[in-house]
Amino acid sequence: MAKTQRTAPVPVEHITQSILFLRGQRVILDRELAAIYGVETRTLNQAVKRNSERFPEDFMFQLTAEEVELSRSQSVILNPGRGQNIKYLPHAFTEHGAIQAANILSSPRAIEMGVYVVRAFVKLRELLSSNRELARRFAQLETRLDKKFTEQDRAIGAILSAIRELMHPTPPKRRPIGFTADLEKKS
């Protein structure tokens, strides 16, 4: 029997775009995870609250008000008085927390989508690891360029100071016109 790979109701690329980097970890917010699993955010959060022992700090954490403010994507559109007071601070789920959430929801869609969420995290991890070598080489190039720029900056600074001196020359000593007998001054 040959395995057929089913297509996800939500593309892995869309899930990958929902993954954020907070507190040094790749996470997905509860509202995004609930949408992927096909449940309401409050349903997901209630299930998590009922099974809190399954979600240690490295699986899930609650965002602070400052983190929520920084994570808003459309803060330009919000009015100053509206949208400021959210009732509940959102939860951020790591890869393991997202799988645990799929397990406690136990709906067919949550179980199915749990696989795609893991694939999205794995794809993102592979993408980041493949770019590490490129990032290392880029950092080396930056340091070499910085060294060259500092040498050039010094040369440019010397040229500019020479130009400034040429722009403001010291006035030459002028001898008075006519005959003056300056006996104290020796030529």
C-alpha atoms as a PDB file:
ATOM      1  CA  MET A   1       0.000   0.000   0.000  1.00  0.00           C
ATOM      2  CA  ALA A   2       1.589   3.279  -1.115  1.00  0.00           C
ATOM      3  CA  LYS A   3       1.438   6.281   1.157  1.00  0.00           C
ATOM      4  CA  THR A   4      -0.210   9.336  -0.300  1.00  0.00           C
ATOM      5  CA  GLN A   5       0.729  12.698   1.030  1.00  0.00           C
ATOM      6  CA  ARG A   6      -2.349  14.792   1.672  1.00  0.00           C
ATOM      7  CA  THR A   7      -2.320  18.500   1.168  1.00  0.00           C
ATOM      8  CA  ALA A   8      -2.863  20.654   4.211  1.00  0.00           C
ATOM      9  CA  PRO A   9      -6.006  22.782   4.519  1.00  0.00           C
ATOM     10  CA  VAL A  10      -3.573  25.536   5.571  1.00  0.00           C
ATOM     11  CA  PRO A  11      -0.281  25.597   3.604  1.00  0.00           C
ATOM     12  CA  VAL A  12       2.913  24.979   5.561  1.00  0.00           C
ATOM     13  CA  GLU A  13       4.219  28.332   4.265  1.00  0.00           C
ATOM     14  CA  HIS A  14       1.290  30.111   5.953  1.00  0.00           C
ATOM     15  CA  ILE A  15       2.030  28.313   9.212  1.00  0.00           C
ATOM     16  CA  THR A  16       5.716  29.207   8.869  1.00  0.00           C
ATOM     17  CA  GLN A  17       4.776  32.879   8.531  1.00  0.00           C
ATOM     18  CA  SER A  18       2.819  32.629  11.799  1.00  0.00           C
ATOM     19  CA  ILE A  19       5.912  31.539  13.729  1.00  0.00           C
ATOM     20  CA  LEU A  20       7.525  34.375  15.687  1.00  0.00           C
ATOM     21  CA  PHE A  21      10.818  34.674  17.539  1.00  0.00           C
ATOM     22  CA  LEU A  22      10.160  35.712  21.156  1.00  0.00           C
ATOM     23  CA  ARG A  23      12.358  35.342  24.240  1.00  0.00           C
ATOM     24  CA  GLY A  24      14.938  33.462  22.203  1.00  0.00           C
ATOM     25  CA  GLN A  25      12.457  30.805  21.032  1.00  0.00           C
ATOM     26  CA  ARG A  26      10.401  30.174  17.927  1.00  0.00           C
ATOM     27  CA  VAL A  27       6.752  30.317  18.963  1.00  0.00           C
ATOM     28  CA  ILE A  28       3.259  30.577  17.561  1.00  0.00           C
ATOM     29  CA  LEU A  29       0.594  32.676  19.285  1.00  0.00           C
ATOM     30  CA  ASP A  30      -2.597  31.138  20.605  1.00  0.00           C
ATOM     31  CA  ARG A  31      -4.876  32.947  18.140  1.00  0.00           C
ATOM     32  CA  GLU A  32      -2.853  31.654  15.170  1.00  0.00           C
ATOM     33  CA  LEU A  33      -2.698  28.137  16.578  1.00  0.00           C
ATOM     34  CA  ALA A  34      -6.449  28.138  17.280  1.00  0.00           C
ATOM     35  CA  ALA A  35      -7.158  29.240  13.703  1.00  0.00           C
ATOM     36  CA  ILE A  36      -4.933  26.478  12.342  1.00  0.00           C
ATOM     37  CA  TYR A  37      -6.590  23.866  14.558  1.00  0.00           C
ATOM     38  CA  GLY A  38     -10.058  25.133  13.649  1.00  0.00           C
ATOM     39  CA  VAL A  39     -11.178  26.129  17.149  1.00  0.00           C
ATOM     40  CA  GLU A  40     -11.823  29.422  18.885  1.00  0.00           C
ATOM     41  CA  THR A  41      -8.974  30.979  20.814  1.00  0.00           C
ATOM     42  CA  ARG A  42     -10.919  30.779  24.062  1.00  0.00           C
ATOM     43  CA  THR A  43     -11.556  27.047  23.480  1.00  0.00           C
ATOM     44  CA  LEU A  44      -7.836  26.457  23.033  1.00  0.00           C
ATOM     45  CA  ASN A  45      -6.980  28.511  26.118  1.00  0.00           C
ATOM     46  CA  GLN A  46      -9.628  26.721  28.216  1.00  0.00           C
ATOM     47  CA  ALA A  47      -8.238  23.329  27.199  1.00  0.00           C
ATOM     48  CA  VAL A  48      -4.724  24.517  28.050  1.00  0.00           C
ATOM     49  CA  LYS A  49      -5.903  25.828  31.426  1.00  0.00           C
ATOM     50  CA  ARG A  50      -7.617  22.510  32.232  1.00  0.00           C
ATOM     51  CA  ASN A  51      -4.402  20.655  31.336  1.00  0.00           C
ATOM     52  CA  SER A  52      -1.847  23.121  32.699  1.00  0.00           C
ATOM     53  CA  GLU A  53       0.426  20.324  33.964  1.00  0.00           C
ATOM     54  CA  ARG A  54       1.078  19.364  30.317  1.00  0.00           C
ATOM     55  CA  PHE A  55       2.450  22.812  29.498  1.00  0.00           C
ATOM     56  CA  PRO A  56       5.686  23.639  31.336  1.00  0.00           C
ATOM     57  CA  GLU A  57       7.486  26.949  30.679  1.00  0.00           C
ATOM     58  CA  ASP A  58       9.484  25.519  27.767  1.00  0.00           C
ATOM     59  CA  PHE A  59       6.230  24.472  26.001  1.00  0.00           C
ATOM     60  CA  MET A  60       4.187  27.633  26.520  1.00  0.00           C
ATOM     61  CA  PHE A  61       4.401  31.043  28.165  1.00  0.00           C
ATOM     62  CA  GLN A  62       2.166  34.068  28.487  1.00  0.00           C
ATOM     63  CA  LEU A  63       3.228  37.295  26.809  1.00  0.00           C
ATOM     64  CA  THR A  64       3.703  40.502  28.763  1.00  0.00           C
ATOM     65  CA  ALA A  65       1.786  43.653  27.867  1.00  0.00           C
ATOM     66  CA  GLU A  66       4.958  45.138  26.325  1.00  0.00           C
ATOM     67  CA  GLU A  67       5.481  42.059  24.138  1.00  0.00           C
ATOM     68  CA  VAL A  68       1.852  42.223  23.007  1.00  0.00           C
ATOM     69  CA  GLU A  69       2.282  45.863  22.057  1.00  0.00           C
ATOM     70  CA  LEU A  70       5.414  45.068  20.068  1.00  0.00           C
ATOM     71  CA  SER A  71       3.838  42.072  18.329  1.00  0.00           C
ATOM     72  CA  ARG A  72       0.898  44.018  16.906  1.00  0.00           C
ATOM     73  CA  SER A  73       1.239  44.159  13.173  1.00  0.00           C
ATOM     74  CA  GLN A  74      -1.289  46.919  12.523  1.00  0.00           C
ATOM     75  CA  SER A  75      -0.573  49.340  15.334  1.00  0.00           C
ATOM     76  CA  VAL A  76      -0.643  52.224  12.859  1.00  0.00           C
ATOM     77  CA  ILE A  77      -4.353  51.714  12.230  1.00  0.00           C
ATOM     78  CA  LEU A  78      -5.367  51.472  15.878  1.00  0.00           C
ATOM     79  CA  ASN A  79      -6.882  54.494  17.555  1.00  0.00           C
ATOM     80  CA  PRO A  80      -5.102  55.511  20.751  1.00  0.00           C
ATOM     81  CA  GLY A  81      -8.145  54.734  22.929  1.00  0.00           C
ATOM     82  CA  ARG A  82      -9.255  51.549  21.223  1.00  0.00           C
ATOM     83  CA  GLY A  83      -7.520  48.201  21.358  1.00  0.00           C
ATOM     84  CA  GLN A  84      -5.344  49.198  24.275  1.00  0.00           C
ATOM     85  CA  ASN A  85      -7.027  47.097  26.939  1.00  0.00           C
ATOM     86  CA  ILE A  86      -6.963  43.468  25.960  1.00  0.00           C
ATOM     87  CA  LYS A  87      -8.812  41.216  28.323  1.00  0.00           C
ATOM     88  CA  TYR A  88      -6.336  38.329  28.303  1.00  0.00           C
ATOM     89  CA  LEU A  89      -2.666  38.327  27.452  1.00  0.00           C
ATOM     90  CA  PRO A  90      -2.001  35.811  24.655  1.00  0.00           C
ATOM     91  CA  HIS A  91      -0.053  32.603  25.103  1.00  0.00           C
ATOM     92  CA  ALA A  92       2.937  31.672  22.952  1.00  0.00           C
ATOM     93  CA  PHE A  93       3.445  27.980  22.152  1.00  0.00           C
ATOM     94  CA  THR A  94       6.777  26.434  21.217  1.00  0.00           C
ATOM     95  CA  GLU A  95       6.942  23.497  18.810  1.00  0.00           C
ATOM     96  CA  HIS A  96       6.367  21.010  21.633  1.00  0.00           C
ATOM     97  CA  GLY A  97       3.589  23.120  23.095  1.00  0.00           C
ATOM     98  CA  ALA A  98       1.797  23.260  19.742  1.00  0.00           C
ATOM     99  CA  ILE A  99       1.841  19.458  19.519  1.00  0.00           C
ATOM    100  CA  GLN A 100       0.663  19.159  23.110  1.00  0.00           C
ATOM    101  CA  ALA A 101      -2.198  21.546  22.294  1.00  0.00           C
ATOM    102  CA  ALA A 102      -3.216  19.335  19.365  1.00  0.00           C
ATOM    103  CA  ASN A 103      -3.198  16.340  21.700  1.00  0.00           C
ATOM    104  CA  ILE A 104      -5.437  17.930  24.325  1.00  0.00           C
ATOM    105  CA  LEU A 105      -7.904  19.291  21.762  1.00  0.00           C
ATOM    106  CA  SER A 106      -8.254  15.830  20.196  1.00  0.00           C
ATOM    107  CA  SER A 107     -10.414  17.063  17.350  1.00  0.00           C
ATOM    108  CA  PRO A 108      -9.709  15.400  13.998  1.00  0.00           C
ATOM    109  CA  ARG A 109      -8.600  18.715  12.464  1.00  0.00           C
ATOM    110  CA  ALA A 110      -6.278  19.486  15.395  1.00  0.00           C
ATOM    111  CA  ILE A 111      -4.643  16.077  15.112  1.00  0.00           C
ATOM    112  CA  GLU A 112      -4.270  16.439  11.334  1.00  0.00           C
ATOM    113  CA  MET A 113      -2.940  19.980  11.519  1.00  0.00           C
ATOM    114  CA  GLY A 114      -0.529  19.131  14.345  1.00  0.00           C
ATOM    115  CA  VAL A 115       1.589  17.300  11.783  1.00  0.00           C
ATOM    116  CA  TYR A 116       1.697  20.371   9.546  1.00  0.00           C
ATOM    117  CA  VAL A 117       2.617  22.631  12.446  1.00  0.00           C
ATOM    118  CA  VAL A 118       5.568  20.365  13.260  1.00  0.00           C
ATOM    119  CA  ARG A 119       6.582  20.388   9.589  1.00  0.00           C
ATOM    120  CA  ALA A 120       6.478  24.184   9.592  1.00  0.00           C
ATOM    121  CA  PHE A 121       8.745  24.369  12.655  1.00  0.00           C
ATOM    122  CA  VAL A 122      11.127  21.812  11.091  1.00  0.00           C
ATOM    123  CA  LYS A 123      11.156  23.686   7.774  1.00  0.00           C
ATOM    124  CA  LEU A 124      11.973  26.925   9.571  1.00  0.00           C
ATOM    125  CA  ARG A 125      14.742  25.218  11.561  1.00  0.00           C
ATOM    126  CA  GLU A 126      16.256  23.774   8.362  1.00  0.00           C
ATOM    127  CA  LEU A 127      16.057  27.138   6.657  1.00  0.00           C
ATOM    128  CA  LEU A 128      17.845  28.832   9.544  1.00  0.00           C
ATOM    129  CA  SER A 129      20.548  26.176   9.796  1.00  0.00           C
ATOM    130  CA  SER A 130      21.249  26.315   6.052  1.00  0.00           C
ATOM    131  CA  ASN A 131      21.656  30.076   6.307  1.00  0.00           C
ATOM    132  CA  ARG A 132      24.105  29.931   9.229  1.00  0.00           C
ATOM    133  CA  GLU A 133      27.079  29.396   6.923  1.00  0.00           C
ATOM    134  CA  LEU A 134      25.934  32.287   4.771  1.00  0.00           C
ATOM    135  CA  ALA A 135      25.509  34.460   7.880  1.00  0.00           C
ATOM    136  CA  ARG A 136      29.018  33.543   9.068  1.00  0.00           C
ATOM    137  CA  ARG A 137      30.546  34.480   5.712  1.00  0.00           C
ATOM    138  CA  PHE A 138      28.549  37.687   5.655  1.00  0.00           C
ATOM    139  CA  ALA A 139      29.867  38.597   9.115  1.00  0.00           C
ATOM    140  CA  GLN A 140      33.445  37.981   7.941  1.00  0.00           C
ATOM    141  CA  LEU A 141      32.873  40.205   4.923  1.00  0.00           C
ATOM    142  CA  GLU A 142      31.428  42.933   7.168  1.00  0.00           C
ATOM    143  CA  THR A 143      34.490  42.886   9.437  1.00  0.00           C
ATOM    144  CA  ARG A 144      36.836  43.107   6.446  1.00  0.00           C
ATOM    145  CA  LEU A 145      34.850  46.001   5.018  1.00  0.00           C
ATOM    146  CA  ASP A 146      34.799  47.750   8.399  1.00  0.00           C
ATOM    147  CA  LYS A 147      38.589  47.573   8.541  1.00  0.00           C
ATOM    148  CA  LYS A 148      38.873  48.997   5.038  1.00  0.00           C
ATOM    149  CA  PHE A 149      36.356  51.720   5.807  1.00  0.00           C
ATOM    150  CA  THR A 150      38.234  52.802   8.919  1.00  0.00           C
ATOM    151  CA  GLU A 151      41.440  53.134   6.886  1.00  0.00           C
ATOM    152  CA  GLN A 152      39.586  55.077   4.218  1.00  0.00           C
ATOM    153  CA  ASP A 153      37.838  57.201   6.860  1.00  0.00           C
ATOM    154  CA  ARG A 154      41.217  58.218   8.270  1.00  0.00           C
ATOM    155  CA  ALA A 155      42.498  59.110   4.788  1.00  0.00           C
ATOM    156  CA  ILE A 156      39.328  61.089   4.031  1.00  0.00           C
ATOM    157  CA  GLY A 157      39.649  62.889   7.371  1.00  0.00           C
ATOM    158  CA  ALA A 158      43.221  63.912   6.526  1.00  0.00           C
ATOM    159  CA  ILE A 159      42.103  65.179   3.111  1.00  0.00           C
ATOM    160  CA  LEU A 160      39.267  67.185   4.675  1.00  0.00           C
ATOM    161  CA  SER A 161      41.547  68.805   7.249  1.00  0.00           C
ATOM    162  CA  ALA A 162      44.000  69.764   4.463  1.00  0.00           C
ATOM    163  CA  ILE A 163      41.110  71.299   2.497  1.00  0.00           C
ATOM    164  CA  ARG A 164      39.976  73.239   5.584  1.00  0.00           C
ATOM    165  CA  GLU A 165      43.482  74.622   6.008  1.00  0.00           C
ATOM    166  CA  LEU A 166      43.511  75.677   2.348  1.00  0.00           C
ATOM    167  CA  MET A 167      40.090  77.324   2.729  1.00  0.00           C
ATOM    168  CA  HIS A 168      41.214  79.384   5.735  1.00  0.00           C
ATOM    169  CA  PRO A 169      44.880  80.207   5.183  1.00  0.00           C
ATOM    170  CA  THR A 170      46.738  82.192   7.774  1.00  0.00           C
ATOM    171  CA  PRO A 171      47.126  85.757   6.526  1.00  0.00           C
ATOM    172  CA  PRO A 172      50.708  86.614   5.549  1.00  0.00           C
ATOM    173  CA  LYS A 173      52.604  89.240   7.534  1.00  0.00           C
ATOM    174  CA  ARG A 174      52.318  92.495   5.729  1.00  0.00           C
ATOM    175  CA  ARG A 175      54.987  95.079   5.745  1.00  0.00           C
ATOM    176  CA  PRO A 176      53.721  98.598   5.924  1.00  0.00           C
ATOM    177  CA  ILE A 177      53.919 100.719   2.843  1.00  0.00           C
ATOM    178  CA  GLY A 178      56.525 103.433   2.802  1.00  0.00           C
ATOM    179  CA  PHE A 179      59.709 104.002   4.734  1.00  0.00           C
ATOM    180  CA  THR A 180      59.595 103.061   8.363  1.00  0.00           C
ATOM    181  CA  ALA A 181      62.585 102.757  10.521  1.00  0.00           C
ATOM    182  CA  ASP A 182      62.109  99.881  12.858  1.00  0.00           C
ATOM    183  CA  LEU A 183      65.360  99.763  14.671  1.00  0.00           C
ATOM    184  CA  GLU A 184      64.462  97.048  17.104  1.00  0.00           C
ATOM    185  CA  LYS A 185      63.383  94.590  14.440  1.00  0.00           C
ATOM    186  CA  LYS A 186      66.238  92.874  12.651  1.00  0.00           C
ATOM    187  CA  SER A 187      65.639  91.522   9.181  1.00  0.00           C
END
